[in-house]
Amino acid sequence: VAIAERLRDQSRQQIDAVPVPLEVSVSIGVATYCPDLEERPSNDQLLRRADTAMYRAKGTGKDTFVLE
């Protein structure tokens, strides 16, 4: 969570572009697993979970992150 917050905060910026300024933000999806509670997912499974979380973050609004 701390890393996702730091990435989100550090990527937020405004670019003074002509003719209108652009605001940059990120939507982050984070996949987790608990080795004590579940078998380790494959890399593909983790990537799909992170991708799903990212789209959930985008759906809730910009400049946020979701843990999956």
Protein backbone atom coordinates (compact mmCIF):
# COMPACT_ATOMS: atom_id res chain seq x y z
CA VAL A 1 0.00 0.00 0.00
CA ALA A 2 2.80 2.43 0.88
CA ILE A 3 4.58 1.79 -2.42
CA ALA A 4 1.37 2.24 -4.44
CA GLU A 5 0.64 5.51 -2.59
CA ARG A 6 4.18 6.77 -3.20
CA LEU A 7 4.02 5.89 -6.92
CA ARG A 8 0.64 7.58 -7.22
CA ASP A 9 1.80 10.72 -5.41
CA GLN A 10 5.07 11.00 -7.36
CA SER A 11 3.43 10.51 -10.75
CA ARG A 12 0.78 13.19 -10.25
CA GLN A 13 1.75 16.28 -12.23
CA GLN A 14 0.48 18.92 -14.59
CA ILE A 15 2.03 19.39 -18.01
CA ASP A 16 1.64 22.83 -19.49
CA ALA A 17 0.80 21.85 -23.06
CA VAL A 18 -0.55 24.05 -25.77
CA PRO A 19 -3.46 24.74 -26.10
CA VAL A 20 -4.58 23.16 -22.79
CA PRO A 21 -2.68 21.91 -19.75
CA LEU A 22 -2.69 18.14 -19.18
CA GLU A 23 -2.98 16.46 -15.80
CA VAL A 24 -1.15 13.17 -15.34
CA SER A 25 -2.32 10.57 -12.84
CA VAL A 26 -2.15 6.79 -12.48
CA SER A 27 -4.49 3.94 -11.72
CA ILE A 28 -2.65 1.04 -10.10
CA GLY A 29 -3.72 -2.56 -9.66
CA VAL A 30 -1.88 -4.65 -7.09
CA ALA A 31 -2.13 -8.43 -6.88
CA THR A 32 -1.33 -10.08 -3.56
CA TYR A 33 -1.36 -13.53 -2.11
CA CYS A 34 -0.86 -14.94 1.37
CA PRO A 35 1.46 -17.98 1.39
CA ASP A 36 -0.12 -19.21 4.64
CA LEU A 37 -3.63 -19.22 3.17
CA GLU A 38 -3.29 -20.16 -0.48
CA GLU A 39 -1.08 -21.94 -2.97
CA ARG A 40 1.25 -19.63 -4.87
CA PRO A 41 -0.45 -18.46 -8.06
CA SER A 42 1.44 -18.61 -11.35
CA ASN A 43 2.94 -15.42 -12.76
CA ASP A 44 0.13 -15.34 -15.35
CA GLN A 45 -2.49 -15.61 -12.60
CA LEU A 46 -0.87 -12.80 -10.63
CA LEU A 47 -0.70 -10.63 -13.74
CA ARG A 48 -4.40 -11.25 -14.47
CA ARG A 49 -5.29 -10.37 -10.88
CA ALA A 50 -3.24 -7.17 -11.07
CA ASP A 51 -4.84 -6.31 -14.41
CA THR A 52 -8.32 -6.86 -12.96
CA ALA A 53 -7.43 -4.66 -9.99
CA MET A 54 -6.13 -1.93 -12.31
CA TYR A 55 -9.39 -1.87 -14.27
CA ARG A 56 -11.33 -1.72 -10.99
CA ALA A 57 -9.17 1.25 -9.98
CA LYS A 58 -9.88 2.97 -13.31
CA GLY A 59 -13.60 2.31 -12.80
CA THR A 60 -13.66 3.94 -9.37
CA GLY A 61 -12.02 7.11 -10.61
CA LYS A 62 -8.64 8.36 -11.63
CA ASP A 63 -5.56 8.65 -9.44
CA THR A 64 -6.20 5.62 -7.23
CA PHE A 65 -5.14 2.04 -6.60
CA VAL A 66 -6.91 -1.22 -5.82
CA LEU A 67 -5.57 -4.31 -4.07
CA GLU A 68 -6.76 -7.62 -5.52
